[in-house]
ModelCIF file with pLDDT and N, C-alpha, C, O atoms, coordinates in Angstrom:
data_MODEL
#
_entry.id   MODEL 
#
_entity.id                         1 
_entity.type                       polymer 
_entity.pdbx_number_of_molecules   1 
#
_entity_poly.entity_id                      1 
_entity_poly.type                           'polypeptide(L)' 
_entity_poly.nstd_linkage                   no 
_entity_poly.nstd_monomer                   no 
_entity_poly.pdbx_seq_one_letter_code       
;(UNK)(UNK)(UNK)(UNK)(UNK)(UNK)(UNK)(UNK)(UNK)(UNK)(UNK)(UNK)(UNK)(UNK)(UNK)(UNK)
(UNK)(UNK)(UNK)(UNK)(UNK)(UNK)(UNK)(UNK)(UNK)(UNK)(UNK)(UNK)(UNK)(UNK)
;
_entity_poly.pdbx_seq_one_letter_code_can   XXXXXXXXXXXXXXXXXXXXXXXXXXXXXX 
_entity_poly.pdbx_strand_id                 A 
#
loop_
_entity_poly_seq.entity_id 
_entity_poly_seq.num 
_entity_poly_seq.mon_id 
_entity_poly_seq.hetero 
1 1  UNK n 
1 2  UNK n 
1 3  UNK n 
1 4  UNK n 
1 5  UNK n 
1 6  UNK n 
1 7  UNK n 
1 8  UNK n 
1 9  UNK n 
1 10 UNK n 
1 11 UNK n 
1 12 UNK n 
1 13 UNK n 
1 14 UNK n 
1 15 UNK n 
1 16 UNK n 
1 17 UNK n 
1 18 UNK n 
1 19 UNK n 
1 20 UNK n 
1 21 UNK n 
1 22 UNK n 
1 23 UNK n 
1 24 UNK n 
1 25 UNK n 
1 26 UNK n 
1 27 UNK n 
1 28 UNK n 
1 29 UNK n 
1 30 UNK n 
#
_struct_asym.id          A 
_struct_asym.entity_id   1 
#
loop_
_ma_qa_metric.id 
_ma_qa_metric.mode 
_ma_qa_metric.name 
_ma_qa_metric.software_group_id 
_ma_qa_metric.type 
1 global pLDDT . pLDDT 
2 local  pLDDT . pLDDT 
#
_ma_qa_metric_global.metric_id      1 
_ma_qa_metric_global.metric_value   94.97 
_ma_qa_metric_global.model_id       1 
_ma_qa_metric_global.ordinal_id     1 
#
loop_
_ma_qa_metric_local.label_asym_id 
_ma_qa_metric_local.label_comp_id 
_ma_qa_metric_local.label_seq_id 
_ma_qa_metric_local.metric_id 
_ma_qa_metric_local.metric_value 
_ma_qa_metric_local.model_id 
_ma_qa_metric_local.ordinal_id 
A UNK 1  2 97.00 1 1  
A UNK 2  2 96.00 1 2  
A UNK 3  2 96.00 1 3  
A UNK 4  2 97.00 1 4  
A UNK 5  2 97.00 1 5  
A UNK 6  2 97.00 1 6  
A UNK 7  2 98.00 1 7  
A UNK 8  2 97.00 1 8  
A UNK 9  2 98.00 1 9  
A UNK 10 2 97.00 1 10 
A UNK 11 2 97.00 1 11 
A UNK 12 2 96.00 1 12 
A UNK 13 2 95.00 1 13 
A UNK 14 2 94.00 1 14 
A UNK 15 2 92.00 1 15 
A UNK 16 2 93.00 1 16 
A UNK 17 2 95.00 1 17 
A UNK 18 2 96.00 1 18 
A UNK 19 2 97.00 1 19 
A UNK 20 2 97.00 1 20 
A UNK 21 2 97.00 1 21 
A UNK 22 2 95.00 1 22 
A UNK 23 2 89.00 1 23 
A UNK 24 2 86.00 1 24 
A UNK 25 2 88.00 1 25 
A UNK 26 2 92.00 1 26 
A UNK 27 2 94.00 1 27 
A UNK 28 2 96.00 1 28 
A UNK 29 2 95.00 1 29 
A UNK 30 2 95.00 1 30 
#
loop_
_atom_site.group_PDB 
_atom_site.id 
_atom_site.type_symbol 
_atom_site.label_atom_id 
_atom_site.label_alt_id 
_atom_site.label_comp_id 
_atom_site.label_asym_id 
_atom_site.label_entity_id 
_atom_site.label_seq_id 
_atom_site.pdbx_PDB_ins_code 
_atom_site.Cartn_x 
_atom_site.Cartn_y 
_atom_site.Cartn_z 
_atom_site.occupancy 
_atom_site.B_iso_or_equiv 
_atom_site.pdbx_formal_charge 
_atom_site.auth_seq_id 
_atom_site.auth_comp_id 
_atom_site.auth_asym_id 
_atom_site.auth_atom_id 
_atom_site.pdbx_PDB_model_num 
ATOM 1   N N  . UNK A 1 1  ? -6.780 -10.834 6.762   1.00 97.00 ? 1  UNK A N  1 
ATOM 2   C CA . UNK A 1 1  ? -6.106 -10.511 7.645   1.00 97.00 ? 1  UNK A CA 1 
ATOM 3   C C  . UNK A 1 1  ? -4.457 -10.579 7.216   1.00 97.00 ? 1  UNK A C  1 
ATOM 4   O O  . UNK A 1 1  ? -3.683 -9.842  7.827   1.00 97.00 ? 1  UNK A O  1 
ATOM 5   N N  . UNK A 1 2  ? -4.030 -11.329 6.330   1.00 96.00 ? 2  UNK A N  1 
ATOM 6   C CA . UNK A 1 2  ? -2.680 -11.581 5.904   1.00 96.00 ? 2  UNK A CA 1 
ATOM 7   C C  . UNK A 1 2  ? -2.271 -11.150 4.622   1.00 96.00 ? 2  UNK A C  1 
ATOM 8   O O  . UNK A 1 2  ? -1.119 -11.294 4.211   1.00 96.00 ? 2  UNK A O  1 
ATOM 9   N N  . UNK A 1 3  ? -3.221 -10.607 3.957   1.00 96.00 ? 3  UNK A N  1 
ATOM 10  C CA . UNK A 1 3  ? -3.091 -10.518 2.325   1.00 96.00 ? 3  UNK A CA 1 
ATOM 11  C C  . UNK A 1 3  ? -3.894 -9.013  2.115   1.00 96.00 ? 3  UNK A C  1 
ATOM 12  O O  . UNK A 1 3  ? -4.981 -8.791  2.649   1.00 96.00 ? 3  UNK A O  1 
ATOM 13  N N  . UNK A 1 4  ? -3.212 -8.062  1.290   1.00 97.00 ? 4  UNK A N  1 
ATOM 14  C CA . UNK A 1 4  ? -4.054 -6.851  0.749   1.00 97.00 ? 4  UNK A CA 1 
ATOM 15  C C  . UNK A 1 4  ? -3.457 -6.941  -0.613  1.00 97.00 ? 4  UNK A C  1 
ATOM 16  O O  . UNK A 1 4  ? -2.269 -6.977  -0.932  1.00 97.00 ? 4  UNK A O  1 
ATOM 17  N N  . UNK A 1 5  ? -4.618 -6.972  -1.409  1.00 97.00 ? 5  UNK A N  1 
ATOM 18  C CA . UNK A 1 5  ? -4.125 -6.877  -2.964  1.00 97.00 ? 5  UNK A CA 1 
ATOM 19  C C  . UNK A 1 5  ? -4.815 -5.555  -3.782  1.00 97.00 ? 5  UNK A C  1 
ATOM 20  O O  . UNK A 1 5  ? -6.024 -5.327  -3.743  1.00 97.00 ? 5  UNK A O  1 
ATOM 21  N N  . UNK A 1 6  ? -3.988 -4.853  -4.413  1.00 97.00 ? 6  UNK A N  1 
ATOM 22  C CA . UNK A 1 6  ? -4.471 -3.558  -5.158  1.00 97.00 ? 6  UNK A CA 1 
ATOM 23  C C  . UNK A 1 6  ? -3.955 -3.726  -6.596  1.00 97.00 ? 6  UNK A C  1 
ATOM 24  O O  . UNK A 1 6  ? -2.873 -4.259  -6.841  1.00 97.00 ? 6  UNK A O  1 
ATOM 25  N N  . UNK A 1 7  ? -4.962 -3.143  -7.728  1.00 98.00 ? 7  UNK A N  1 
ATOM 26  C CA . UNK A 1 7  ? -4.835 -3.443  -8.784  1.00 98.00 ? 7  UNK A CA 1 
ATOM 27  C C  . UNK A 1 7  ? -4.940 -1.828  -9.186  1.00 98.00 ? 7  UNK A C  1 
ATOM 28  O O  . UNK A 1 7  ? -5.833 -1.054  -8.842  1.00 98.00 ? 7  UNK A O  1 
ATOM 29  N N  . UNK A 1 8  ? -3.661 -1.511  -10.091 1.00 97.00 ? 8  UNK A N  1 
ATOM 30  C CA . UNK A 1 8  ? -3.846 -0.303  -10.945 1.00 97.00 ? 8  UNK A CA 1 
ATOM 31  C C  . UNK A 1 8  ? -3.318 -0.173  -12.318 1.00 97.00 ? 8  UNK A C  1 
ATOM 32  O O  . UNK A 1 8  ? -2.627 -1.122  -12.685 1.00 97.00 ? 8  UNK A O  1 
ATOM 33  N N  . UNK A 1 9  ? -3.494 0.812   -13.176 1.00 98.00 ? 9  UNK A N  1 
ATOM 34  C CA . UNK A 1 9  ? -2.941 0.792   -14.120 1.00 98.00 ? 9  UNK A CA 1 
ATOM 35  C C  . UNK A 1 9  ? -2.337 2.361   -14.397 1.00 98.00 ? 9  UNK A C  1 
ATOM 36  O O  . UNK A 1 9  ? -3.047 3.358   -14.266 1.00 98.00 ? 9  UNK A O  1 
ATOM 37  N N  . UNK A 1 10 ? -0.921 2.411   -14.798 1.00 97.00 ? 10 UNK A N  1 
ATOM 38  C CA . UNK A 1 10 ? -0.433 3.674   -14.978 1.00 97.00 ? 10 UNK A CA 1 
ATOM 39  C C  . UNK A 1 10 ? 0.216  3.886   -16.316 1.00 97.00 ? 10 UNK A C  1 
ATOM 40  O O  . UNK A 1 10 ? 0.275  2.933   -17.093 1.00 97.00 ? 10 UNK A O  1 
ATOM 41  N N  . UNK A 1 11 ? 0.712  5.068   -16.651 1.00 97.00 ? 11 UNK A N  1 
ATOM 42  C CA . UNK A 1 11 ? 1.337  5.371   -17.903 1.00 97.00 ? 11 UNK A CA 1 
ATOM 43  C C  . UNK A 1 11 ? 2.717  5.315   -17.948 1.00 97.00 ? 11 UNK A C  1 
ATOM 44  O O  . UNK A 1 11 ? 3.357  5.441   -18.992 1.00 97.00 ? 11 UNK A O  1 
ATOM 45  N N  . UNK A 1 12 ? 3.252  5.111   -16.740 1.00 96.00 ? 12 UNK A N  1 
ATOM 46  C CA . UNK A 1 12 ? 4.711  5.080   -16.439 1.00 96.00 ? 12 UNK A CA 1 
ATOM 47  C C  . UNK A 1 12 ? 4.833  3.815   -15.115 1.00 96.00 ? 12 UNK A C  1 
ATOM 48  O O  . UNK A 1 12 ? 3.891  3.418   -14.429 1.00 96.00 ? 12 UNK A O  1 
ATOM 49  N N  . UNK A 1 13 ? 5.929  3.471   -15.048 1.00 95.00 ? 13 UNK A N  1 
ATOM 50  C CA . UNK A 1 13 ? 6.221  2.460   -14.055 1.00 95.00 ? 13 UNK A CA 1 
ATOM 51  C C  . UNK A 1 13 ? 6.302  3.210   -12.958 1.00 95.00 ? 13 UNK A C  1 
ATOM 52  O O  . UNK A 1 13 ? 6.717  4.368   -12.983 1.00 95.00 ? 13 UNK A O  1 
ATOM 53  N N  . UNK A 1 14 ? 5.842  2.499   -11.717 1.00 94.00 ? 14 UNK A N  1 
ATOM 54  C CA . UNK A 1 14 ? 5.281  3.206   -10.462 1.00 94.00 ? 14 UNK A CA 1 
ATOM 55  C C  . UNK A 1 14 ? 6.785  3.153   -9.702  1.00 94.00 ? 14 UNK A C  1 
ATOM 56  O O  . UNK A 1 14 ? 7.450  2.149   -9.952  1.00 94.00 ? 14 UNK A O  1 
ATOM 57  N N  . UNK A 1 15 ? 7.266  3.969   -8.961  1.00 92.00 ? 15 UNK A N  1 
ATOM 58  C CA . UNK A 1 15 ? 8.167  4.452   -8.145  1.00 92.00 ? 15 UNK A CA 1 
ATOM 59  C C  . UNK A 1 15 ? 7.741  5.047   -6.769  1.00 92.00 ? 15 UNK A C  1 
ATOM 60  O O  . UNK A 1 15 ? 7.369  6.212   -6.631  1.00 92.00 ? 15 UNK A O  1 
ATOM 61  N N  . UNK A 1 16 ? 7.832  4.134   -5.768  1.00 93.00 ? 16 UNK A N  1 
ATOM 62  C CA . UNK A 1 16 ? 7.334  4.569   -4.580  1.00 93.00 ? 16 UNK A CA 1 
ATOM 63  C C  . UNK A 1 16 ? 6.862  3.514   -3.531  1.00 93.00 ? 16 UNK A C  1 
ATOM 64  O O  . UNK A 1 16 ? 7.383  2.399   -3.493  1.00 93.00 ? 16 UNK A O  1 
ATOM 65  N N  . UNK A 1 17 ? 5.987  3.845   -2.786  1.00 95.00 ? 17 UNK A N  1 
ATOM 66  C CA . UNK A 1 17 ? 5.581  3.040   -1.664  1.00 95.00 ? 17 UNK A CA 1 
ATOM 67  C C  . UNK A 1 17 ? 4.218  2.860   -1.401  1.00 95.00 ? 17 UNK A C  1 
ATOM 68  O O  . UNK A 1 17 ? 3.492  3.736   -1.871  1.00 95.00 ? 17 UNK A O  1 
ATOM 69  N N  . UNK A 1 18 ? 3.605  1.838   -0.692  1.00 96.00 ? 18 UNK A N  1 
ATOM 70  C CA . UNK A 1 18 ? 2.195  1.522   -0.353  1.00 96.00 ? 18 UNK A CA 1 
ATOM 71  C C  . UNK A 1 18 ? 2.306  1.842   1.286   1.00 96.00 ? 18 UNK A C  1 
ATOM 72  O O  . UNK A 1 18 ? 3.239  1.415   1.966   1.00 96.00 ? 18 UNK A O  1 
ATOM 73  N N  . UNK A 1 19 ? 1.357  2.552   1.750   1.00 97.00 ? 19 UNK A N  1 
ATOM 74  C CA . UNK A 1 19 ? 1.261  2.413   3.361   1.00 97.00 ? 19 UNK A CA 1 
ATOM 75  C C  . UNK A 1 19 ? -0.186 2.424   3.843   1.00 97.00 ? 19 UNK A C  1 
ATOM 76  O O  . UNK A 1 19 ? -1.121 3.084   3.390   1.00 97.00 ? 19 UNK A O  1 
ATOM 77  N N  . UNK A 1 20 ? -0.178 1.629   4.772   1.00 97.00 ? 20 UNK A N  1 
ATOM 78  C CA . UNK A 1 20 ? -1.490 1.209   5.696   1.00 97.00 ? 20 UNK A CA 1 
ATOM 79  C C  . UNK A 1 20 ? -1.512 1.786   6.855   1.00 97.00 ? 20 UNK A C  1 
ATOM 80  O O  . UNK A 1 20 ? -0.509 1.470   7.496   1.00 97.00 ? 20 UNK A O  1 
ATOM 81  N N  . UNK A 1 21 ? -2.160 2.449   7.383   1.00 97.00 ? 21 UNK A N  1 
ATOM 82  C CA . UNK A 1 21 ? -2.253 2.903   8.861   1.00 97.00 ? 21 UNK A CA 1 
ATOM 83  C C  . UNK A 1 21 ? -3.595 2.604   9.574   1.00 97.00 ? 21 UNK A C  1 
ATOM 84  O O  . UNK A 1 21 ? -4.616 2.424   8.910   1.00 97.00 ? 21 UNK A O  1 
ATOM 85  N N  . UNK A 1 22 ? -3.592 2.552   10.933  1.00 95.00 ? 22 UNK A N  1 
ATOM 86  C CA . UNK A 1 22 ? -4.995 2.394   11.667  1.00 95.00 ? 22 UNK A CA 1 
ATOM 87  C C  . UNK A 1 22 ? -5.076 3.500   12.745  1.00 95.00 ? 22 UNK A C  1 
ATOM 88  O O  . UNK A 1 22 ? -4.223 4.384   12.825  1.00 95.00 ? 22 UNK A O  1 
ATOM 89  N N  . UNK A 1 23 ? -5.998 3.420   13.457  1.00 89.00 ? 23 UNK A N  1 
ATOM 90  C CA . UNK A 1 23 ? -6.273 4.356   14.451  1.00 89.00 ? 23 UNK A CA 1 
ATOM 91  C C  . UNK A 1 23 ? -5.444 4.121   15.729  1.00 89.00 ? 23 UNK A C  1 
ATOM 92  O O  . UNK A 1 23 ? -5.145 5.088   16.429  1.00 89.00 ? 23 UNK A O  1 
ATOM 93  N N  . UNK A 1 24 ? -5.042 2.806   16.076  1.00 86.00 ? 24 UNK A N  1 
ATOM 94  C CA . UNK A 1 24 ? -4.185 2.704   17.116  1.00 86.00 ? 24 UNK A CA 1 
ATOM 95  C C  . UNK A 1 24 ? -2.675 2.590   16.918  1.00 86.00 ? 24 UNK A C  1 
ATOM 96  O O  . UNK A 1 24 ? -1.955 1.985   17.712  1.00 86.00 ? 24 UNK A O  1 
ATOM 97  N N  . UNK A 1 25 ? -2.270 3.155   15.904  1.00 88.00 ? 25 UNK A N  1 
ATOM 98  C CA . UNK A 1 25 ? -0.808 3.490   15.710  1.00 88.00 ? 25 UNK A CA 1 
ATOM 99  C C  . UNK A 1 25 ? -0.142 2.613   14.806  1.00 88.00 ? 25 UNK A C  1 
ATOM 100 O O  . UNK A 1 25 ? 1.040  2.692   14.474  1.00 88.00 ? 25 UNK A O  1 
ATOM 101 N N  . UNK A 1 26 ? -1.170 1.583   14.346  1.00 92.00 ? 26 UNK A N  1 
ATOM 102 C CA . UNK A 1 26 ? -0.687 0.798   13.362  1.00 92.00 ? 26 UNK A CA 1 
ATOM 103 C C  . UNK A 1 26 ? 0.001  1.446   12.028  1.00 92.00 ? 26 UNK A C  1 
ATOM 104 O O  . UNK A 1 26 ? -0.543 2.436   11.539  1.00 92.00 ? 26 UNK A O  1 
ATOM 105 N N  . UNK A 1 27 ? 1.062  0.970   11.491  1.00 94.00 ? 27 UNK A N  1 
ATOM 106 C CA . UNK A 1 27 ? 1.587  1.582   10.201  1.00 94.00 ? 27 UNK A CA 1 
ATOM 107 C C  . UNK A 1 27 ? 2.260  0.420   9.529   1.00 94.00 ? 27 UNK A C  1 
ATOM 108 O O  . UNK A 1 27 ? 3.102  -0.246  10.132  1.00 94.00 ? 27 UNK A O  1 
ATOM 109 N N  . UNK A 1 28 ? 1.915  0.171   8.319   1.00 96.00 ? 28 UNK A N  1 
ATOM 110 C CA . UNK A 1 28 ? 2.598  -0.825  7.427   1.00 96.00 ? 28 UNK A CA 1 
ATOM 111 C C  . UNK A 1 28 ? 3.026  -0.128  6.202   1.00 96.00 ? 28 UNK A C  1 
ATOM 112 O O  . UNK A 1 28 ? 2.301  0.714   5.672   1.00 96.00 ? 28 UNK A O  1 
ATOM 113 N N  . UNK A 1 29 ? 4.268  -0.476  5.700   1.00 95.00 ? 29 UNK A N  1 
ATOM 114 C CA . UNK A 1 29 ? 4.941  0.112   4.548   1.00 95.00 ? 29 UNK A CA 1 
ATOM 115 C C  . UNK A 1 29 ? 5.506  -0.915  3.704   1.00 95.00 ? 29 UNK A C  1 
ATOM 116 O O  . UNK A 1 29 ? 6.024  -1.904  4.223   1.00 95.00 ? 29 UNK A O  1 
ATOM 117 N N  . UNK A 1 30 ? 5.459  -0.781  2.530   1.00 95.00 ? 30 UNK A N  1 
ATOM 118 C CA . UNK A 1 30 ? 6.058  -1.661  1.530   1.00 95.00 ? 30 UNK A CA 1 
ATOM 119 C C  . UNK A 1 30 ? 6.217  -0.963  0.243   1.00 95.00 ? 30 UNK A C  1 
ATOM 120 O O  . UNK A 1 30 ? 6.707  -1.550  -0.721  1.00 95.00 ? 30 UNK A O  1 
#
């Protein structure tokens, strides 16, 4: 409920953002 962890490997350093959303209008962006 208070942590999300994602692991991935790319060929370049990532530039961008993570977004999580729900059916009740919830939106989280980092």
